[in-house]
């Protein structure tokens, strides 16, 4: 049995596997959390638009809010590309 099983190599393999697993878990967890933060940020922006419209006495539909968010995102992208050109 000793020719097929080497305890130091086995322990080293377990450690390397555990470290690699931790790195993979960290990577996927980071990607997942970034995606969730983007969703939360969008919801917060929608709520801010809704509150701003309510402050001026308007009740916007979900479609109107989505349209405003799309145009705001487009404007932000254009501003970013403009700043990169300078």
N, C-alpha and C. Protein backbone atom coordinates (compact mmCIF):
# COMPACT_ATOMS: atom_id res chain seq x y z
N UNK A 1 0.83 -1.19 0.00
CA UNK A 1 0.00 0.00 0.00
C UNK A 1 0.87 1.24 0.00
N UNK A 2 2.06 1.20 0.55
CA UNK A 2 2.89 2.39 0.63
C UNK A 2 3.41 2.83 -0.73
N UNK A 3 3.47 1.91 -1.71
CA UNK A 3 3.93 2.33 -3.04
C UNK A 3 2.88 3.18 -3.76
N UNK A 4 1.60 3.02 -3.41
CA UNK A 4 0.55 3.79 -4.08
C UNK A 4 0.12 5.01 -3.28
N UNK A 5 0.41 5.04 -1.99
CA UNK A 5 -0.06 6.11 -1.13
C UNK A 5 1.12 6.77 -0.44
N UNK A 6 1.32 8.04 -0.77
CA UNK A 6 2.40 8.81 -0.16
C UNK A 6 1.74 9.94 0.63
N UNK A 7 1.81 9.91 1.95
CA UNK A 7 1.10 10.86 2.81
C UNK A 7 1.49 12.31 2.55
N UNK A 8 2.77 12.66 2.45
CA UNK A 8 3.10 14.08 2.19
C UNK A 8 2.54 14.57 0.84
N UNK A 9 2.59 13.75 -0.18
CA UNK A 9 2.04 14.15 -1.48
C UNK A 9 0.53 14.30 -1.41
N UNK A 10 -0.11 13.41 -0.67
CA UNK A 10 -1.56 13.47 -0.50
C UNK A 10 -1.96 14.76 0.20
N UNK A 11 -1.27 15.10 1.29
CA UNK A 11 -1.58 16.33 2.03
C UNK A 11 -1.31 17.56 1.17
N UNK A 12 -0.21 17.54 0.42
CA UNK A 12 0.11 18.66 -0.47
C UNK A 12 -0.97 18.82 -1.55
N UNK A 13 -1.44 17.72 -2.09
CA UNK A 13 -2.50 17.76 -3.09
C UNK A 13 -3.79 18.34 -2.54
N UNK A 14 -4.12 17.94 -1.32
CA UNK A 14 -5.33 18.47 -0.66
C UNK A 14 -5.18 19.97 -0.45
N UNK A 15 -4.03 20.43 0.01
CA UNK A 15 -3.81 21.85 0.25
C UNK A 15 -3.88 22.65 -1.05
N UNK A 16 -3.24 22.14 -2.09
CA UNK A 16 -3.27 22.85 -3.38
C UNK A 16 -4.70 22.91 -3.91
N UNK A 17 -5.44 21.82 -3.79
CA UNK A 17 -6.84 21.81 -4.22
C UNK A 17 -7.70 22.78 -3.42
N UNK A 18 -7.46 22.84 -2.13
CA UNK A 18 -8.23 23.75 -1.27
C UNK A 18 -7.93 25.20 -1.63
N UNK A 19 -6.67 25.51 -1.87
CA UNK A 19 -6.29 26.88 -2.24
C UNK A 19 -6.89 27.26 -3.58
N UNK A 20 -6.81 26.34 -4.55
CA UNK A 20 -7.39 26.61 -5.87
C UNK A 20 -8.90 26.79 -5.75
N UNK A 21 -9.55 25.98 -4.93
CA UNK A 21 -10.99 26.10 -4.70
C UNK A 21 -11.36 27.44 -4.09
N UNK A 22 -10.54 27.90 -3.17
CA UNK A 22 -10.80 29.21 -2.54
C UNK A 22 -10.69 30.34 -3.56
N UNK A 23 -9.69 30.27 -4.42
CA UNK A 23 -9.55 31.29 -5.44
C UNK A 23 -10.72 31.28 -6.42
N UNK A 24 -11.15 30.10 -6.82
CA UNK A 24 -12.31 30.01 -7.72
C UNK A 24 -13.57 30.53 -7.04
N UNK A 25 -13.77 30.16 -5.78
CA UNK A 25 -14.94 30.63 -5.05
C UNK A 25 -14.92 32.15 -4.92
N UNK A 26 -13.76 32.71 -4.62
CA UNK A 26 -13.62 34.16 -4.51
C UNK A 26 -13.97 34.84 -5.83
N UNK A 27 -13.45 34.31 -6.94
CA UNK A 27 -13.69 34.90 -8.26
C UNK A 27 -15.18 34.90 -8.59
N UNK A 28 -15.84 33.74 -8.42
CA UNK A 28 -17.25 33.66 -8.77
C UNK A 28 -18.12 34.47 -7.81
N UNK A 29 -17.75 34.50 -6.55
CA UNK A 29 -18.50 35.31 -5.59
C UNK A 29 -18.36 36.80 -5.91
N UNK A 30 -17.17 37.21 -6.30
CA UNK A 30 -16.94 38.60 -6.67
C UNK A 30 -17.79 38.99 -7.88
N UNK A 31 -17.81 38.13 -8.91
CA UNK A 31 -18.63 38.40 -10.10
C UNK A 31 -20.11 38.48 -9.73
N UNK A 32 -20.57 37.57 -8.88
CA UNK A 32 -21.96 37.54 -8.46
C UNK A 32 -22.32 38.83 -7.71
N UNK A 33 -21.44 39.24 -6.80
CA UNK A 33 -21.71 40.44 -6.02
C UNK A 33 -21.70 41.70 -6.88
N UNK A 34 -20.81 41.76 -7.88
CA UNK A 34 -20.80 42.91 -8.79
C UNK A 34 -22.11 43.00 -9.55
N UNK A 35 -22.62 41.86 -9.99
CA UNK A 35 -23.89 41.84 -10.73
C UNK A 35 -25.03 42.30 -9.82
N UNK A 36 -25.05 41.82 -8.58
CA UNK A 36 -26.09 42.22 -7.65
C UNK A 36 -26.02 43.71 -7.34
N UNK A 37 -24.81 44.25 -7.20
CA UNK A 37 -24.66 45.68 -6.93
C UNK A 37 -25.19 46.52 -8.08
N UNK A 38 -24.98 46.06 -9.32
CA UNK A 38 -25.51 46.79 -10.47
C UNK A 38 -27.03 46.80 -10.42
N UNK A 39 -27.64 45.66 -10.06
CA UNK A 39 -29.09 45.59 -9.96
C UNK A 39 -29.61 46.52 -8.87
N UNK A 40 -28.94 46.53 -7.73
CA UNK A 40 -29.36 47.39 -6.62
C UNK A 40 -29.22 48.86 -7.02
N UNK A 41 -28.13 49.19 -7.71
CA UNK A 41 -27.92 50.57 -8.15
C UNK A 41 -29.03 51.01 -9.10
N UNK A 42 -29.42 50.12 -10.02
CA UNK A 42 -30.51 50.45 -10.93
C UNK A 42 -31.81 50.69 -10.17
N UNK A 43 -32.10 49.84 -9.20
CA UNK A 43 -33.32 50.02 -8.41
C UNK A 43 -33.28 51.32 -7.64
N UNK A 44 -32.12 51.67 -7.11
CA UNK A 44 -31.99 52.92 -6.37
C UNK A 44 -32.20 54.11 -7.30
N UNK A 45 -31.66 54.04 -8.52
CA UNK A 45 -31.83 55.14 -9.46
C UNK A 45 -33.30 55.27 -9.83
N UNK A 46 -33.98 54.15 -10.04
CA UNK A 46 -35.41 54.20 -10.37
C UNK A 46 -36.18 54.88 -9.24
N UNK A 47 -35.87 54.52 -8.02
CA UNK A 47 -36.57 55.09 -6.88
C UNK A 47 -36.28 56.59 -6.77
N UNK A 48 -35.04 56.99 -7.05
CA UNK A 48 -34.71 58.42 -7.01
C UNK A 48 -35.48 59.19 -8.07
N UNK A 49 -35.59 58.64 -9.28
CA UNK A 49 -36.35 59.29 -10.35
C UNK A 49 -37.82 59.39 -9.95
N UNK A 50 -38.34 58.30 -9.37
CA UNK A 50 -39.74 58.29 -8.95
C UNK A 50 -39.99 59.37 -7.88
N UNK A 51 -39.07 59.50 -6.91
CA UNK A 51 -39.23 60.50 -5.85
C UNK A 51 -39.10 61.92 -6.39
N UNK A 52 -38.18 62.12 -7.33
CA UNK A 52 -38.01 63.44 -7.92
C UNK A 52 -39.27 63.85 -8.69
N UNK A 53 -39.82 62.92 -9.45
CA UNK A 53 -41.05 63.22 -10.19
C UNK A 53 -42.20 63.51 -9.23
N UNK A 54 -42.27 62.76 -8.15
CA UNK A 54 -43.34 62.98 -7.16
C UNK A 54 -43.19 64.35 -6.50
N UNK A 55 -41.95 64.79 -6.32
CA UNK A 55 -41.73 66.10 -5.72
C UNK A 55 -42.28 67.21 -6.60
N UNK A 56 -42.31 66.98 -7.91
CA UNK A 56 -42.85 67.97 -8.84
C UNK A 56 -44.31 67.67 -9.19
N UNK A 57 -44.91 66.72 -8.50
CA UNK A 57 -46.33 66.43 -8.69
C UNK A 57 -46.65 65.52 -9.85
N UNK A 58 -45.70 64.73 -10.30
CA UNK A 58 -45.94 63.80 -11.42
C UNK A 58 -45.81 62.37 -10.93
N UNK A 59 -46.69 61.53 -11.41
CA UNK A 59 -46.59 60.09 -11.15
C UNK A 59 -46.20 59.42 -12.46
N UNK A 60 -44.98 58.96 -12.54
CA UNK A 60 -44.49 58.35 -13.76
C UNK A 60 -44.77 56.86 -13.77
N UNK A 61 -45.07 56.35 -14.96
CA UNK A 61 -45.26 54.91 -15.10
C UNK A 61 -43.90 54.23 -15.15
N UNK A 62 -43.90 52.93 -15.03
CA UNK A 62 -42.65 52.16 -15.08
C UNK A 62 -41.99 52.33 -16.44
N UNK A 63 -42.78 52.39 -17.49
CA UNK A 63 -42.23 52.57 -18.84
C UNK A 63 -41.53 53.92 -18.97
N UNK A 64 -42.14 54.96 -18.42
CA UNK A 64 -41.53 56.29 -18.48
C UNK A 64 -40.21 56.33 -17.69
N UNK A 65 -40.20 55.68 -16.55
CA UNK A 65 -38.97 55.65 -15.73
C UNK A 65 -37.88 54.89 -16.47
N UNK A 66 -38.23 53.75 -17.08
CA UNK A 66 -37.25 52.98 -17.84
C UNK A 66 -36.70 53.79 -19.01
N UNK A 67 -37.56 54.56 -19.67
CA UNK A 67 -37.13 55.40 -20.79
C UNK A 67 -36.16 56.47 -20.31
N UNK A 68 -36.46 57.08 -19.17
CA UNK A 68 -35.56 58.08 -18.61
C UNK A 68 -34.21 57.47 -18.23
N UNK A 69 -34.24 56.27 -17.63
CA UNK A 69 -32.99 55.61 -17.25
C UNK A 69 -32.16 55.29 -18.48
N UNK A 70 -32.80 54.83 -19.54
CA UNK A 70 -32.08 54.50 -20.77
C UNK A 70 -31.42 55.74 -21.35
N UNK A 71 -32.14 56.85 -21.38
CA UNK A 71 -31.56 58.06 -21.94
C UNK A 71 -30.44 58.60 -21.04
N UNK A 72 -30.57 58.44 -19.73
CA UNK A 72 -29.51 58.86 -18.82
C UNK A 72 -28.26 58.01 -19.00
N UNK A 73 -28.45 56.70 -19.17
CA UNK A 73 -27.30 55.81 -19.39
C UNK A 73 -26.60 56.14 -20.70
N UNK A 74 -27.38 56.43 -21.73
CA UNK A 74 -26.81 56.81 -23.02
C UNK A 74 -26.00 58.09 -22.91
N UNK A 75 -26.54 59.06 -22.18
CA UNK A 75 -25.83 60.33 -21.98
C UNK A 75 -24.53 60.11 -21.21
N UNK A 76 -24.56 59.23 -20.22
CA UNK A 76 -23.34 58.93 -19.46
C UNK A 76 -22.28 58.27 -20.34
N UNK A 77 -22.71 57.36 -21.20
CA UNK A 77 -21.77 56.70 -22.11
C UNK A 77 -21.14 57.71 -23.07
N UNK A 78 -21.96 58.62 -23.58
CA UNK A 78 -21.45 59.65 -24.49
C UNK A 78 -20.46 60.56 -23.78
N UNK A 79 -20.75 60.89 -22.53
CA UNK A 79 -19.84 61.75 -21.77
C UNK A 79 -18.51 61.03 -21.52
N UNK A 80 -18.57 59.74 -21.24
CA UNK A 80 -17.35 58.96 -21.02
C UNK A 80 -16.50 58.92 -22.28
N UNK A 81 -17.12 58.70 -23.44
CA UNK A 81 -16.35 58.64 -24.68
C UNK A 81 -15.79 60.01 -25.04
N UNK A 82 -16.52 61.06 -24.71
CA UNK A 82 -16.04 62.41 -24.96
C UNK A 82 -14.80 62.70 -24.11
N UNK A 83 -14.84 62.29 -22.85
CA UNK A 83 -13.70 62.51 -21.96
C UNK A 83 -12.50 61.69 -22.37
N UNK A 84 -12.71 60.52 -22.92
CA UNK A 84 -11.59 59.68 -23.38
C UNK A 84 -10.89 60.30 -24.59
N UNK A 85 -11.66 60.99 -25.44
CA UNK A 85 -11.09 61.60 -26.65
C UNK A 85 -10.20 62.78 -26.30
N UNK A 86 -10.46 63.45 -25.20
CA UNK A 86 -9.68 64.66 -24.84
C UNK A 86 -8.33 64.33 -24.33
